[in-house]
Every structure is written in C-alpha cells, then in structure tokens.
Amino acid sequence: MAEEPTTAPETPPEPAAAASTPPPGTPPASSEPSGATIPLDADDTRAQHFRQMFSGPGPMIATILFVAGAGVAGAVLVGPGVGAAAAGGALLLLLVIAWVVASSRAEADFFRHYAQGHSLRLEIGRGSLPPATPLLRRGDRRYTKCKLSGALPGGQDGTLALYTYEDTDTDSEGNRHTTYMHFTVIYAELPEVAPFIEELYTQRRVGFRFLDGAEDIFRRRQRVEHESEVVDKRYEIFCAANDDMNRARQILSPSFLAWLQDHSPEAFAFECVAGVLVCNVKGHKKSKAELDSLCEGASAVARRLREEALE
C-alpha cells in the first residue's frame, strides 16, 4: 500500500513591522548628510564656509598671486614700504570679502534649516508685506530680506519676516541721509477678529507715564487702561476711537496681562488692524531661540484675540 505524501505544515507569515508614524508636528527628515551640523543661529557655519573658501591649492595660489602682485606693484611704483603695505591691504581686503561671503552663506544655511525643521516655505531675497498696519506703512521704502510662511511654531499660520523700512532726509546742504529701521515681524490674518475690534495696539513705551494724559488729548485713538502696573511701565495700549472700550478690556484679561508681563518675548509689540495681526521685535533676529519665541508669542496673541472674538 503506497504511502500518502506528507505535507509540511505551513509556517505562518511573520507579522509585518508596524509603520513608524511620527507624531504630529515632528519636523521632516533633513536632506543634509549624516553628521551635518544643524545651525542654531546665523553664525554657526560661518567659520566653516570661511575655511572652505581658502581650502585647496587653487584658492591659495590665487590669494598668494593677488597679494604678491599688489606688493610688487606698490614696491615698483613707490617703494618697498608701500609695497609691503599694499600686500597687507590686499590680504586684508580678501579676508574681509571672504568673511562677508561666508556670513551670507551661513545665514542662508540657518534659515534653510529653520524652514525645513518647521515645514515652512522659505523666500530669501527682497520681498514685501501688505501695508496693513502702521508699522508696515512707515518709511519711504519698505521691504523684507527673508520670509518664512506656513504653520509657525506655536500653531498660528502666518509669515515670519526680516523687515526693514527706510527714512531718507536731506540736510541744508543737499546731502541725503538714510536711516534703516530693522524689525523681525510676524504677519497673520485673523478675519474673525475684524468684526469684534477694529484696532488694538500694544506698543513699547517710549515716553514718561505722567505725560500720558497730555499726549492723549492729541490722539485719534483711545488709551486702554488696565490693572497691571508692570505692563503699564512697558507698554502703551490703544484701540480705535470708535471701538468699544469694554471689548478691548476683555481682551486684556488678567491671564493675558500676566503673559505680557512674564512670558512675552523681550521688547515685544503687536498691532491688530481690521483682522490683520502684526507682531514685532526690533532688529533682525537670526537664532532659533529668538525666532521660536517670537512665533510662539504671536500665536499666543492670535489665540487670545480669536477666543474673545468668537466667545
């Protein structure tokens, strides 16, 4: 009697490895090679770029020829002392140019990494912002140097920008002088806030408090009084002449005033006009800590405005 063929029992398939899904808000994987330095500010990779500009025989030979040529020309045309000075000046000029180029490349490195880390759209080069608030209408010329747009740290959709406006004056002798005012700003649109309050300004205080009453006589806007002595020393807060003062005071809740006092970014200010929020600090900020702080501050202000408008 023939034996029946035996069949080996099937081995159950191994369970598929669970897909690794990063939690919401996890930055995308960097496209940089493994081990690359992730800059925390715009100076982190400057020395690296500076060294690269003089690495290799080509740049070194070109540098030696340029410096030597300047020295020989000075020595032949004037004398040995001038030749030595010309060589030193040529070397110094090359180093300064290389340092400026390296600084520019390091700054681009930083903002590229910052944009990648927060999934923001990056625009480097001269640009603009809508002239929606007084800050964005100041000066004879206005422009941005760098813009990052998308969901900012803190959760608010908007645009983070290095912003500059220029004031140009002409003196009695016809000489033109330009003053450059630099800010880092957050631009965000909050259309739901526009019907609730027309204007709200929280400005860095620049004058003496005992002059507030006299100055207010000549203002178009209403000064918003509140309960925080510390905030009053740091800020002047105004709403539009036709705004309901009670609504402005509702926005300035005790918890929001405490945030302004203890947790807002240094030298922070904001303007909200017709549903457009512009938060700012003076200077072009170029470190992760400073940019994160400003973005989170703008998100906190936007949440507070939206909460009160939708209540």
Foldseek 3Di string as FASTA:
>chain_A
DDDDDDDDDDDDDDDDDDDDDDDPQFFDDDPDDPPDDQDQFLCPCLVVQLVVCCDDDPNVVVLVCQLQVQLVVLCVVPRNVRSVVRSVVSNVVVSVVSSVVSSVVSLVSNVVSVCRRRVWDKDAAWAADPCQDPVRPDAPDKTFGMKTFQQAQQGAGWIWTWIKHWHWDADPVRDIDIDIWIKTKTKHFAQLLLVQFAKKWKAFDDDDPVCVVVVVVPDQWAWQDDDDPQSVNGTTMTGGNPHDSVLVHQLVDVVNVVCVRPPADPNKIWMAHSRMIMIIHTDDGTGNVNRSRRRSNSSVSSVSSNVSSVD
